[in-house]
Amino acid sequence: METVTPALWPALLFGPLTALGQHFERLAGVLEFVVAVW
């Protein structure tokens, strides 16, 4: 549990990517995929 949590840091980027998706849908989709793989 203590070691899994640091791997979740990139999930903080999903909020700004959601806001970005309102203007640049494809770019936000690609970046969300990159964050998910990260």
Full PDB file with SEQRES, HELIX, SHEET, SSBOND, CRYST1, ORIGX, SCALE, CONECT and MASTER records, all heavy atoms in Angstrom:
SEQRES   1 A   38  MET GLU THR VAL THR PRO ALA LEU TRP PRO ALA LEU LEU          
SEQRES   2 A   38  PHE GLY PRO LEU THR ALA LEU GLY GLN HIS PHE GLU ARG          
SEQRES   3 A   38  LEU ALA GLY VAL LEU GLU PHE VAL VAL ALA VAL TRP              
HELIX    1 AA1 THR A    5  LEU A   13  5                                   9    
HELIX    2 AA2 PHE A   14  GLY A   21  1                                   8    
HELIX    3 AA3 GLU A   25  VAL A   37  1                                  13    
CRYST1    1.000    1.000    1.000  90.00  90.00  90.00 P 1           1          
ORIGX1      1.000000  0.000000  0.000000        0.00000                         
ORIGX2      0.000000  1.000000  0.000000        0.00000                         
ORIGX3      0.000000  0.000000  1.000000        0.00000                         
SCALE1      1.000000  0.000000  0.000000        0.00000                         
SCALE2      0.000000  1.000000  0.000000        0.00000                         
SCALE3      0.000000  0.000000  1.000000        0.00000                         
ATOM      1  N   MET A   1       0.830  -1.209   0.000  1.00  0.00           N  
ATOM      2  CA  MET A   1       0.000   0.000   0.000  1.00  0.00           C  
ATOM      3  C   MET A   1       0.864   1.259   0.000  1.00  0.00           C  
ATOM      4  O   MET A   1       0.567   2.223  -0.706  1.00  0.00           O  
ATOM      5  CB  MET A   1      -0.919   0.007   1.213  1.00  0.00           C  
ATOM      6  CG  MET A   1      -2.042  -0.986   1.127  1.00  0.00           C  
ATOM      7  SD  MET A   1      -3.120  -0.927   2.549  1.00  0.00           S  
ATOM      8  CE  MET A   1      -4.116   0.488   2.151  1.00  0.00           C  
ATOM      9  N   GLU A   2       1.928   1.247   0.778  1.00  0.00           N  
ATOM     10  CA  GLU A   2       2.788   2.423   0.876  1.00  0.00           C  
ATOM     11  C   GLU A   2       3.603   2.655  -0.392  1.00  0.00           C  
ATOM     12  O   GLU A   2       3.955   3.787  -0.699  1.00  0.00           O  
ATOM     13  CB  GLU A   2       3.729   2.280   2.067  1.00  0.00           C  
ATOM     14  CG  GLU A   2       3.023   2.342   3.400  1.00  0.00           C  
ATOM     15  CD  GLU A   2       3.927   2.021   4.571  1.00  0.00           C  
ATOM     16  OE1 GLU A   2       5.086   1.601   4.348  1.00  0.00           O  
ATOM     17  OE2 GLU A   2       3.476   2.171   5.716  1.00  0.00           O  
ATOM     18  N   THR A   3       3.897   1.590  -1.141  1.00  0.00           N  
ATOM     19  CA  THR A   3       4.728   1.731  -2.330  1.00  0.00           C  
ATOM     20  C   THR A   3       3.896   1.958  -3.587  1.00  0.00           C  
ATOM     21  O   THR A   3       4.379   2.553  -4.537  1.00  0.00           O  
ATOM     22  CB  THR A   3       5.621   0.486  -2.508  1.00  0.00           C  
ATOM     23  OG1 THR A   3       6.306   0.238  -1.287  1.00  0.00           O  
ATOM     24  CG2 THR A   3       6.643   0.679  -3.587  1.00  0.00           C  
ATOM     25  N   VAL A   4       2.653   1.499  -3.574  1.00  0.00           N  
ATOM     26  CA  VAL A   4       1.783   1.709  -4.728  1.00  0.00           C  
ATOM     27  C   VAL A   4       1.406   3.178  -4.866  1.00  0.00           C  
ATOM     28  O   VAL A   4       1.295   3.704  -5.972  1.00  0.00           O  
ATOM     29  CB  VAL A   4       0.525   0.812  -4.606  1.00  0.00           C  
ATOM     30  CG1 VAL A   4      -0.605   1.298  -5.482  1.00  0.00           C  
ATOM     31  CG2 VAL A   4       0.878  -0.616  -4.959  1.00  0.00           C  
ATOM     32  N   THR A   5       1.241   3.867  -3.764  1.00  0.00           N  
ATOM     33  CA  THR A   5       0.762   5.248  -3.798  1.00  0.00           C  
ATOM     34  C   THR A   5       1.674   6.194  -4.586  1.00  0.00           C  
ATOM     35  O   THR A   5       1.158   7.032  -5.331  1.00  0.00           O  
ATOM     36  CB  THR A   5       0.550   5.776  -2.369  1.00  0.00           C  
ATOM     37  OG1 THR A   5      -0.177   4.806  -1.624  1.00  0.00           O  
ATOM     38  CG2 THR A   5      -0.238   7.058  -2.377  1.00  0.00           C  
ATOM     39  N   PRO A   6       3.010   6.119  -4.490  1.00  0.00           N  
ATOM     40  CA  PRO A   6       3.836   7.037  -5.300  1.00  0.00           C  
ATOM     41  C   PRO A   6       3.644   6.859  -6.800  1.00  0.00           C  
ATOM     42  O   PRO A   6       3.872   7.789  -7.559  1.00  0.00           O  
ATOM     43  CB  PRO A   6       5.271   6.700  -4.905  1.00  0.00           C  
ATOM     44  CG  PRO A   6       5.176   6.067  -3.586  1.00  0.00           C  
ATOM     45  CD  PRO A   6       3.854   5.372  -3.546  1.00  0.00           C  
ATOM     46  N   ALA A   7       3.202   5.675  -7.225  1.00  0.00           N  
ATOM     47  CA  ALA A   7       2.963   5.461  -8.651  1.00  0.00           C  
ATOM     48  C   ALA A   7       1.733   6.214  -9.141  1.00  0.00           C  
ATOM     49  O   ALA A   7       1.534   6.365 -10.346  1.00  0.00           O  
ATOM     50  CB  ALA A   7       2.805   3.968  -8.929  1.00  0.00           C  
ATOM     51  N   LEU A   8       0.913   6.712  -8.223  1.00  0.00           N  
ATOM     52  CA  LEU A   8      -0.316   7.403  -8.599  1.00  0.00           C  
ATOM     53  C   LEU A   8      -0.141   8.909  -8.786  1.00  0.00           C  
ATOM     54  O   LEU A   8      -1.102   9.600  -9.124  1.00  0.00           O  
ATOM     55  CB  LEU A   8      -1.398   7.149  -7.542  1.00  0.00           C  
ATOM     56  CG  LEU A   8      -1.773   5.690  -7.320  1.00  0.00           C  
ATOM     57  CD1 LEU A   8      -2.784   5.586  -6.204  1.00  0.00           C  
ATOM     58  CD2 LEU A   8      -2.293   5.065  -8.592  1.00  0.00           C  
ATOM     59  N   TRP A   9       1.059   9.448  -8.555  1.00  0.00           N  
ATOM     60  CA  TRP A   9       1.289  10.887  -8.712  1.00  0.00           C  
ATOM     61  C   TRP A   9       0.845  11.418 -10.068  1.00  0.00           C  
ATOM     62  O   TRP A   9       0.231  12.479 -10.134  1.00  0.00           O  
ATOM     63  CB  TRP A   9       2.769  11.219  -8.524  1.00  0.00           C  
ATOM     64  CG  TRP A   9       3.201  11.316  -7.110  1.00  0.00           C  
ATOM     65  CD1 TRP A   9       4.023  10.451  -6.462  1.00  0.00           C  
ATOM     66  CD2 TRP A   9       2.858  12.324  -6.157  1.00  0.00           C  
ATOM     67  NE1 TRP A   9       4.205  10.856  -5.174  1.00  0.00           N  
ATOM     68  CE2 TRP A   9       3.498  12.010  -4.958  1.00  0.00           C  
ATOM     69  CE3 TRP A   9       2.080  13.459  -6.212  1.00  0.00           C  
ATOM     70  CZ2 TRP A   9       3.387  12.779  -3.828  1.00  0.00           C  
ATOM     71  CZ3 TRP A   9       1.952  14.236  -5.085  1.00  0.00           C  
ATOM     72  CH2 TRP A   9       2.609  13.893  -3.901  1.00  0.00           C  
ATOM     73  N   PRO A  10       1.133  10.719 -11.171  1.00  0.00           N  
ATOM     74  CA  PRO A  10       0.733  11.279 -12.469  1.00  0.00           C  
ATOM     75  C   PRO A  10      -0.780  11.447 -12.623  1.00  0.00           C  
ATOM     76  O   PRO A  10      -1.218  12.209 -13.481  1.00  0.00           O  
ATOM     77  CB  PRO A  10       1.270  10.266 -13.481  1.00  0.00           C  
ATOM     78  CG  PRO A  10       2.354   9.552 -12.769  1.00  0.00           C  
ATOM     79  CD  PRO A  10       1.966   9.528 -11.338  1.00  0.00           C  
ATOM     80  N   ALA A  11      -1.572  10.784 -11.814  1.00  0.00           N  
ATOM     81  CA  ALA A  11      -3.028  10.922 -11.915  1.00  0.00           C  
ATOM     82  C   ALA A  11      -3.486  12.342 -11.595  1.00  0.00           C  
ATOM     83  O   ALA A  11      -4.600  12.722 -11.954  1.00  0.00           O  
ATOM     84  CB  ALA A  11      -3.717   9.914 -10.992  1.00  0.00           C  
ATOM     85  N   LEU A  12      -2.648  13.127 -10.943  1.00  0.00           N  
ATOM     86  CA  LEU A  12      -2.987  14.525 -10.688  1.00  0.00           C  
ATOM     87  C   LEU A  12      -3.108  15.322 -11.988  1.00  0.00           C  
ATOM     88  O   LEU A  12      -3.728  16.376 -12.014  1.00  0.00           O  
ATOM     89  CB  LEU A  12      -1.942  15.182  -9.787  1.00  0.00           C  
ATOM     90  CG  LEU A  12      -1.917  14.713  -8.340  1.00  0.00           C  
ATOM     91  CD1 LEU A  12      -0.711  15.284  -7.616  1.00  0.00           C  
ATOM     92  CD2 LEU A  12      -3.197  15.114  -7.640  1.00  0.00           C  
ATOM     93  N   LEU A  13      -2.543  14.809 -13.063  1.00  0.00           N  
ATOM     94  CA  LEU A  13      -2.605  15.514 -14.344  1.00  0.00           C  
ATOM     95  C   LEU A  13      -3.936  15.317 -15.062  1.00  0.00           C  
ATOM     96  O   LEU A  13      -4.230  16.039 -16.013  1.00  0.00           O  
ATOM     97  CB  LEU A  13      -1.465  15.041 -15.254  1.00  0.00           C  
ATOM     98  CG  LEU A  13      -0.058  15.308 -14.741  1.00  0.00           C  
ATOM     99  CD1 LEU A  13       0.962  14.655 -15.650  1.00  0.00           C  
ATOM    100  CD2 LEU A  13       0.186  16.793 -14.633  1.00  0.00           C  
ATOM    101  N   PHE A  14      -4.761  14.358 -14.618  1.00  0.00           N  
ATOM    102  CA  PHE A  14      -6.033  14.121 -15.293  1.00  0.00           C  
ATOM    103  C   PHE A  14      -6.976  15.316 -15.176  1.00  0.00           C  
ATOM    104  O   PHE A  14      -7.750  15.580 -16.095  1.00  0.00           O  
ATOM    105  CB  PHE A  14      -6.714  12.858 -14.762  1.00  0.00           C  
ATOM    106  CG  PHE A  14      -6.122  11.587 -15.292  1.00  0.00           C  
ATOM    107  CD1 PHE A  14      -5.786  10.559 -14.436  1.00  0.00           C  
ATOM    108  CD2 PHE A  14      -5.915  11.407 -16.645  1.00  0.00           C  
ATOM    109  CE1 PHE A  14      -5.248   9.382 -14.917  1.00  0.00           C  
ATOM    110  CE2 PHE A  14      -5.368  10.239 -17.139  1.00  0.00           C  
ATOM    111  CZ  PHE A  14      -5.038   9.220 -16.277  1.00  0.00           C  
ATOM    112  N   GLY A  15      -6.943  16.036 -14.055  1.00  0.00           N  
ATOM    113  CA  GLY A  15      -7.796  17.212 -13.907  1.00  0.00           C  
ATOM    114  C   GLY A  15      -7.490  18.286 -14.932  1.00  0.00           C  
ATOM    115  O   GLY A  15      -8.389  18.735 -15.671  1.00  0.00           O  
ATOM    116  N   PRO A  16      -6.233  18.730 -15.038  1.00  0.00           N  
ATOM    117  CA  PRO A  16      -5.920  19.723 -16.076  1.00  0.00           C  
ATOM    118  C   PRO A  16      -6.142  19.202 -17.497  1.00  0.00           C  
ATOM    119  O   PRO A  16      -6.525  19.956 -18.380  1.00  0.00           O  
ATOM    120  CB  PRO A  16      -4.437  20.027 -15.849  1.00  0.00           C  
ATOM    121  CG  PRO A  16      -4.184  19.670 -14.439  1.00  0.00           C  
ATOM    122  CD  PRO A  16      -5.109  18.541 -14.119  1.00  0.00           C  
ATOM    123  N   LEU A  17      -5.943  17.895 -17.708  1.00  0.00           N  
ATOM    124  CA  LEU A  17      -6.168  17.350 -19.045  1.00  0.00           C  
ATOM    125  C   LEU A  17      -7.655  17.345 -19.403  1.00  0.00           C  
ATOM    126  O   LEU A  17      -8.010  17.486 -20.574  1.00  0.00           O  
ATOM    127  CB  LEU A  17      -5.587  15.935 -19.156  1.00  0.00           C  
ATOM    128  CG  LEU A  17      -4.069  15.867 -19.181  1.00  0.00           C  
ATOM    129  CD1 LEU A  17      -3.597  14.426 -19.200  1.00  0.00           C  
ATOM    130  CD2 LEU A  17      -3.510  16.636 -20.355  1.00  0.00           C  
ATOM    131  N   THR A  18      -8.516  17.201 -18.404  1.00  0.00           N  
ATOM    132  CA  THR A  18      -9.953  17.293 -18.650  1.00  0.00           C  
ATOM    133  C   THR A  18     -10.308  18.707 -19.098  1.00  0.00           C  
ATOM    134  O   THR A  18     -11.103  18.893 -20.025  1.00  0.00           O  
ATOM    135  CB  THR A  18     -10.741  16.921 -17.382  1.00  0.00           C  
ATOM    136  OG1 THR A  18     -10.395  15.581 -17.004  1.00  0.00           O  
ATOM    137  CG2 THR A  18     -12.230  17.005 -17.607  1.00  0.00           C  
ATOM    138  N   ALA A  19      -9.715  19.707 -18.450  1.00  0.00           N  
ATOM    139  CA  ALA A  19      -9.957  21.092 -18.862  1.00  0.00           C  
ATOM    140  C   ALA A  19      -9.381  21.354 -20.260  1.00  0.00           C  
ATOM    141  O   ALA A  19     -10.002  22.053 -21.070  1.00  0.00           O  
ATOM    142  CB  ALA A  19      -9.346  22.054 -17.853  1.00  0.00           C  
ATOM    143  N   LEU A  20      -8.230  20.774 -20.553  1.00  0.00           N  
ATOM    144  CA  LEU A  20      -7.632  20.927 -21.873  1.00  0.00           C  
ATOM    145  C   LEU A  20      -8.492  20.272 -22.941  1.00  0.00           C  
ATOM    146  O   LEU A  20      -8.575  20.757 -24.072  1.00  0.00           O  
ATOM    147  CB  LEU A  20      -6.219  20.327 -21.885  1.00  0.00           C  
ATOM    148  CG  LEU A  20      -5.448  20.377 -23.192  1.00  0.00           C  
ATOM    149  CD1 LEU A  20      -5.065  21.816 -23.506  1.00  0.00           C  
ATOM    150  CD2 LEU A  20      -4.226  19.492 -23.114  1.00  0.00           C  
ATOM    151  N   GLY A  21      -9.164  19.187 -22.583  1.00  0.00           N  
ATOM    152  CA  GLY A  21      -9.990  18.456 -23.537  1.00  0.00           C  
ATOM    153  C   GLY A  21     -11.176  19.240 -24.052  1.00  0.00           C  
ATOM    154  O   GLY A  21     -11.724  18.918 -25.103  1.00  0.00           O  
ATOM    155  N   GLN A  22     -11.579  20.280 -23.360  1.00  0.00           N  
ATOM    156  CA  GLN A  22     -12.684  21.097 -23.841  1.00  0.00           C  
ATOM    157  C   GLN A  22     -12.287  21.912 -25.066  1.00  0.00           C  
ATOM    158  O   GLN A  22     -13.144  22.281 -25.869  1.00  0.00           O  
ATOM    159  CB  GLN A  22     -13.175  22.019 -22.730  1.00  0.00           C  
ATOM    160  CG  GLN A  22     -13.801  21.262 -21.585  1.00  0.00           C  
ATOM    161  CD  GLN A  22     -14.194  22.169 -20.429  1.00  0.00           C  
ATOM    162  OE1 GLN A  22     -13.879  23.353 -20.426  1.00  0.00           O  
ATOM    163  NE2 GLN A  22     -14.874  21.601 -19.446  1.00  0.00           N  
ATOM    164  N   HIS A  23     -10.990  22.179 -25.222  1.00  0.00           N  
ATOM    165  CA  HIS A  23     -10.523  22.978 -26.349  1.00  0.00           C  
ATOM    166  C   HIS A  23      -9.720  22.156 -27.355  1.00  0.00           C  
ATOM    167  O   HIS A  23      -9.778  22.416 -28.547  1.00  0.00           O  
ATOM    168  CB  HIS A  23      -9.666  24.152 -25.855  1.00  0.00           C  
ATOM    169  CG  HIS A  23     -10.411  25.053 -24.918  1.00  0.00           C  
ATOM    170  ND1 HIS A  23     -11.431  25.871 -25.332  1.00  0.00           N  
ATOM    171  CD2 HIS A  23     -10.292  25.237 -23.584  1.00  0.00           C  
ATOM    172  CE1 HIS A  23     -11.912  26.533 -24.292  1.00  0.00           C  
ATOM    173  NE2 HIS A  23     -11.228  26.167 -23.214  1.00  0.00           N  
ATOM    174  N   PHE A  24      -8.944  21.191 -26.865  1.00  0.00           N  
ATOM    175  CA  PHE A  24      -8.088  20.357 -27.719  1.00  0.00           C  
ATOM    176  C   PHE A  24      -8.359  18.893 -27.387  1.00  0.00           C  
ATOM    177  O   PHE A  24      -7.601  18.261 -26.649  1.00  0.00           O  
ATOM    178  CB  PHE A  24      -6.610  20.682 -27.497  1.00  0.00           C  
ATOM    179  CG  PHE A  24      -6.279  22.129 -27.708  1.00  0.00           C  
ATOM    180  CD1 PHE A  24      -6.099  22.972 -26.627  1.00  0.00           C  
ATOM    181  CD2 PHE A  24      -6.153  22.640 -28.985  1.00  0.00           C  
ATOM    182  CE1 PHE A  24      -5.782  24.304 -26.804  1.00  0.00           C  
ATOM    183  CE2 PHE A  24      -5.835  23.975 -29.173  1.00  0.00           C  
ATOM    184  CZ  PHE A  24      -5.654  24.815 -28.084  1.00  0.00           C  
ATOM    185  N   GLU A  25      -9.421  18.365 -27.956  1.00  0.00           N  
ATOM    186  CA  GLU A  25      -9.889  17.035 -27.570  1.00  0.00           C  
ATOM    187  C   GLU A  25      -8.886  15.933 -27.907  1.00  0.00           C  
ATOM    188  O   GLU A  25      -8.608  15.060 -27.093  1.00  0.00           O  
ATOM    189  CB  GLU A  25     -11.222  16.760 -28.253  1.00  0.00           C  
ATOM    190  CG  GLU A  25     -11.919  15.523 -27.750  1.00  0.00           C  
ATOM    191  CD  GLU A  25     -13.304  15.390 -28.337  1.00  0.00           C  
ATOM    192  OE1 GLU A  25     -13.954  16.410 -28.600  1.00  0.00           O  
ATOM    193  OE2 GLU A  25     -13.720  14.236 -28.545  1.00  0.00           O  
ATOM    194  N   ARG A  26      -8.331  15.955 -29.098  1.00  0.00           N  
ATOM    195  CA  ARG A  26      -7.409  14.890 -29.513  1.00  0.00           C  
ATOM    196  C   ARG A  26      -6.103  14.936 -28.722  1.00  0.00           C  
ATOM    197  O   ARG A  26      -5.588  13.904 -28.309  1.00  0.00           O  
ATOM    198  CB  ARG A  26      -7.124  14.983 -30.998  1.00  0.00           C  
ATOM    199  CG  ARG A  26      -8.303  14.589 -31.826  1.00  0.00           C  
ATOM    200  CD  ARG A  26      -7.975  14.580 -33.282  1.00  0.00           C  
ATOM    201  NE  ARG A  26      -9.184  14.294 -34.037  1.00  0.00           N  
ATOM    202  CZ  ARG A  26      -9.267  14.382 -35.324  1.00  0.00           C  
ATOM    203  NH1 ARG A  26      -8.208  14.741 -36.034  1.00  0.00           N  
ATOM    204  NH2 ARG A  26     -10.388  14.110 -35.944  1.00  0.00           N  
ATOM    205  N   LEU A  27      -5.573  16.118 -28.535  1.00  0.00           N  
ATOM    206  CA  LEU A  27      -4.338  16.262 -27.773  1.00  0.00           C  
ATOM    207  C   LEU A  27      -4.540  15.786 -26.341  1.00  0.00           C  
ATOM    208  O   LEU A  27      -3.699  15.065 -25.796  1.00  0.00           O  
ATOM    209  CB  LEU A  27      -3.864  17.715 -27.784  1.00  0.00           C  
ATOM    210  CG  LEU A  27      -2.620  18.024 -26.953  1.00  0.00           C  
ATOM    211  CD1 LEU A  27      -1.416  17.283 -27.503  1.00  0.00           C  
ATOM    212  CD2 LEU A  27      -2.367  19.515 -26.903  1.00  0.00           C  
ATOM    213  N   ALA A  28      -5.654  16.157 -25.735  1.00  0.00           N  
ATOM    214  CA  ALA A  28      -5.948  15.723 -24.368  1.00  0.00           C  
ATOM    215  C   ALA A  28      -6.107  14.216 -24.308  1.00  0.00           C  
ATOM    216  O   ALA A  28      -5.650  13.580 -23.354  1.00  0.00           O  
ATOM    217  CB  ALA A  28      -7.204  16.416 -23.847  1.00  0.00           C  
ATOM    218  N   GLY A  29      -6.726  13.619 -25.316  1.00  0.00           N  
ATOM    219  CA  GLY A  29      -6.884  12.163 -25.347  1.00  0.00           C  
ATOM    220  C   GLY A  29      -5.549  11.439 -25.403  1.00  0.00           C  
ATOM    221  O   GLY A  29      -5.331  10.455 -24.711  1.00  0.00           O  
ATOM    222  N   VAL A  30      -4.647  11.941 -26.238  1.00  0.00           N  
ATOM    223  CA  VAL A  30      -3.307  11.342 -26.346  1.00  0.00           C  
ATOM    224  C   VAL A  30      -2.551  11.497 -25.029  1.00  0.00           C  
ATOM    225  O   VAL A  30      -1.929  10.551 -24.545  1.00  0.00           O  
ATOM    226  CB  VAL A  30      -2.526  11.969 -27.525  1.00  0.00           C  
ATOM    227  CG1 VAL A  30      -1.066  11.560 -27.493  1.00  0.00           C  
ATOM    228  CG2 VAL A  30      -3.162  11.572 -28.839  1.00  0.00           C  
ATOM    229  N   LEU A  31      -2.615  12.690 -24.444  1.00  0.00           N  
ATOM    230  CA  LEU A  31      -1.912  12.922 -23.187  1.00  0.00           C  
ATOM    231  C   LEU A  31      -2.510  12.101 -22.035  1.00  0.00           C  
ATOM    232  O   LEU A  31      -1.774  11.628 -21.171  1.00  0.00           O  
ATOM    233  CB  LEU A  31      -1.904  14.415 -22.852  1.00  0.00           C  
ATOM    234  CG  LEU A  31      -1.053  15.284 -23.776  1.00  0.00           C  
ATOM    235  CD1 LEU A  31      -1.216  16.752 -23.425  1.00  0.00           C  
ATOM    236  CD2 LEU A  31       0.396  14.868 -23.736  1.00  0.00           C  
ATOM    237  N   GLU A  32      -3.825  11.912 -22.030  1.00  0.00           N  
ATOM    238  CA  GLU A  32      -4.440  11.064 -20.998  1.00  0.00           C  
ATOM    239  C   GLU A  32      -3.969   9.621 -21.144  1.00  0.00           C  
ATOM    240  O   GLU A  32      -3.740   8.933 -20.150  1.00  0.00           O  
ATOM    241  CB  GLU A  32      -5.959  11.147 -21.081  1.00  0.00           C  
ATOM    242  CG  GLU A  32      -6.515  12.448 -20.534  1.00  0.00           C  
ATOM    243  CD  GLU A  32      -8.006  12.585 -20.739  1.00  0.00           C  
ATOM    244  OE1 GLU A  32      -8.623  11.732 -21.422  1.00  0.00           O  
ATOM    245  OE2 GLU A  32      -8.562  13.561 -20.208  1.00  0.00           O  
ATOM    246  N   PHE A  33      -3.816   9.149 -22.383  1.00  0.00           N  
ATOM    247  CA  PHE A  33      -3.291   7.801 -22.605  1.00  0.00           C  
ATOM    248  C   PHE A  33      -1.856   7.694 -22.106  1.00  0.00           C  
ATOM    249  O   PHE A  33      -1.491   6.702 -21.471  1.00  0.00           O  
ATOM    250  CB  PHE A  33      -3.369   7.442 -24.096  1.00  0.00           C  
ATOM    251  CG  PHE A  33      -2.774   6.107 -24.417  1.00  0.00           C  
ATOM    252  CD1 PHE A  33      -3.445   4.945 -24.083  1.00  0.00           C  
ATOM    253  CD2 PHE A  33      -1.537   6.015 -25.036  1.00  0.00           C  
ATOM    254  CE1 PHE A  33      -2.892   3.712 -24.367  1.00  0.00           C  
ATOM    255  CE2 PHE A  33      -0.979   4.791 -25.322  1.00  0.00           C  
ATOM    256  CZ  PHE A  33      -1.657   3.626 -24.989  1.00  0.00           C  
ATOM    257  N   VAL A  34      -1.047   8.697 -22.368  1.00  0.00           N  
ATOM    258  CA  VAL A  34       0.343   8.705 -21.909  1.00  0.00           C  
ATOM    259  C   VAL A  34       0.399   8.670 -20.383  1.00  0.00           C  
ATOM    260  O   VAL A  34       1.191   7.922 -19.792  1.00  0.00           O  
ATOM    261  CB  VAL A  34       1.103   9.922 -22.472  1.00  0.00           C  
ATOM    262  CG1 VAL A  34       2.446  10.119 -21.795  1.00  0.00           C  
ATOM    263  CG2 VAL A  34       1.288   9.784 -23.973  1.00  0.00           C  
ATOM    264  N   VAL A  35      -0.456   9.448 -19.724  1.00  0.00           N  
ATOM    265  CA  VAL A  35      -0.483   9.468 -18.262  1.00  0.00           C  
ATOM    266  C   VAL A  35      -0.939   8.109 -17.728  1.00  0.00           C  
ATOM    267  O   VAL A  35      -0.393   7.608 -16.733  1.00  0.00           O  
ATOM    268  CB  VAL A  35      -1.371  10.621 -17.744  1.00  0.00           C  
ATOM    269  CG1 VAL A  35      -1.614  10.510 -16.255  1.00  0.00           C  
ATOM    270  CG2 VAL A  35      -0.730  11.956 -18.068  1.00  0.00           C  
ATOM    271  N   ALA A  36      -1.921   7.486 -18.376  1.00  0.00           N  
ATOM    272  CA  ALA A  36      -2.386   6.165 -17.939  1.00  0.00           C  
ATOM    273  C   ALA A  36      -1.276   5.115 -18.056  1.00  0.00           C  
ATOM    274  O   ALA A  36      -1.091   4.281 -17.158  1.00  0.00           O  
ATOM    275  CB  ALA A  36      -3.611   5.747 -18.743  1.00  0.00           C  
ATOM    276  N   VAL A  37      -0.508   5.172 -19.145  1.00  0.00           N  
ATOM    277  CA  VAL A  37       0.620   4.243 -19.301  1.00  0.00           C  
ATOM    278  C   VAL A  37       1.686   4.545 -18.250  1.00  0.00           C  
ATOM    279  O   VAL A  37       2.280   3.612 -17.677  1.00  0.00           O  
ATOM    280  CB  VAL A  37       1.198   4.330 -20.735  1.00  0.00           C  
ATOM    281  CG1 VAL A  37       2.522   3.599 -20.850  1.00  0.00           C  
ATOM    282  CG2 VAL A  37       0.193   3.780 -21.724  1.00  0.00           C  
ATOM    283  N   TRP A  38       1.921   5.813 -17.952  1.00  0.00           N  
ATOM    284  CA  TRP A  38       2.883   6.212 -16.926  1.00  0.00           C  
ATOM    285  C   TRP A  38       2.478   5.635 -15.577  1.00  0.00           C  
ATOM    286  O   TRP A  38       3.318   5.109 -14.830  1.00  0.00           O  
ATOM    287  CB  TRP A  38       2.936   7.730 -16.892  1.00  0.00           C  
ATOM    288  CG  TRP A  38       3.960   8.363 -16.008  1.00  0.00           C  
ATOM    289  CD1 TRP A  38       4.944   7.758 -15.285  1.00  0.00           C  
ATOM    290  CD2 TRP A  38       4.095   9.758 -15.750  1.00  0.00           C  
ATOM    291  NE1 TRP A  38       5.679   8.690 -14.596  1.00  0.00           N  
ATOM    292  CE2 TRP A  38       5.177   9.920 -14.869  1.00  0.00           C  
ATOM    293  CE3 TRP A  38       3.408  10.871 -16.184  1.00  0.00           C  
ATOM    294  CZ2 TRP A  38       5.566  11.170 -14.414  1.00  0.00           C  
ATOM    295  CZ3 TRP A  38       3.816  12.112 -15.734  1.00  0.00           C  
ATOM    296  CH2 TRP A  38       4.891  12.247 -14.850  1.00  0.00           C  
TER     297      TRP A  38                                                      
MASTER        0    0    0    3    0    0    0    6  296    1    0    3          
END                                                                             
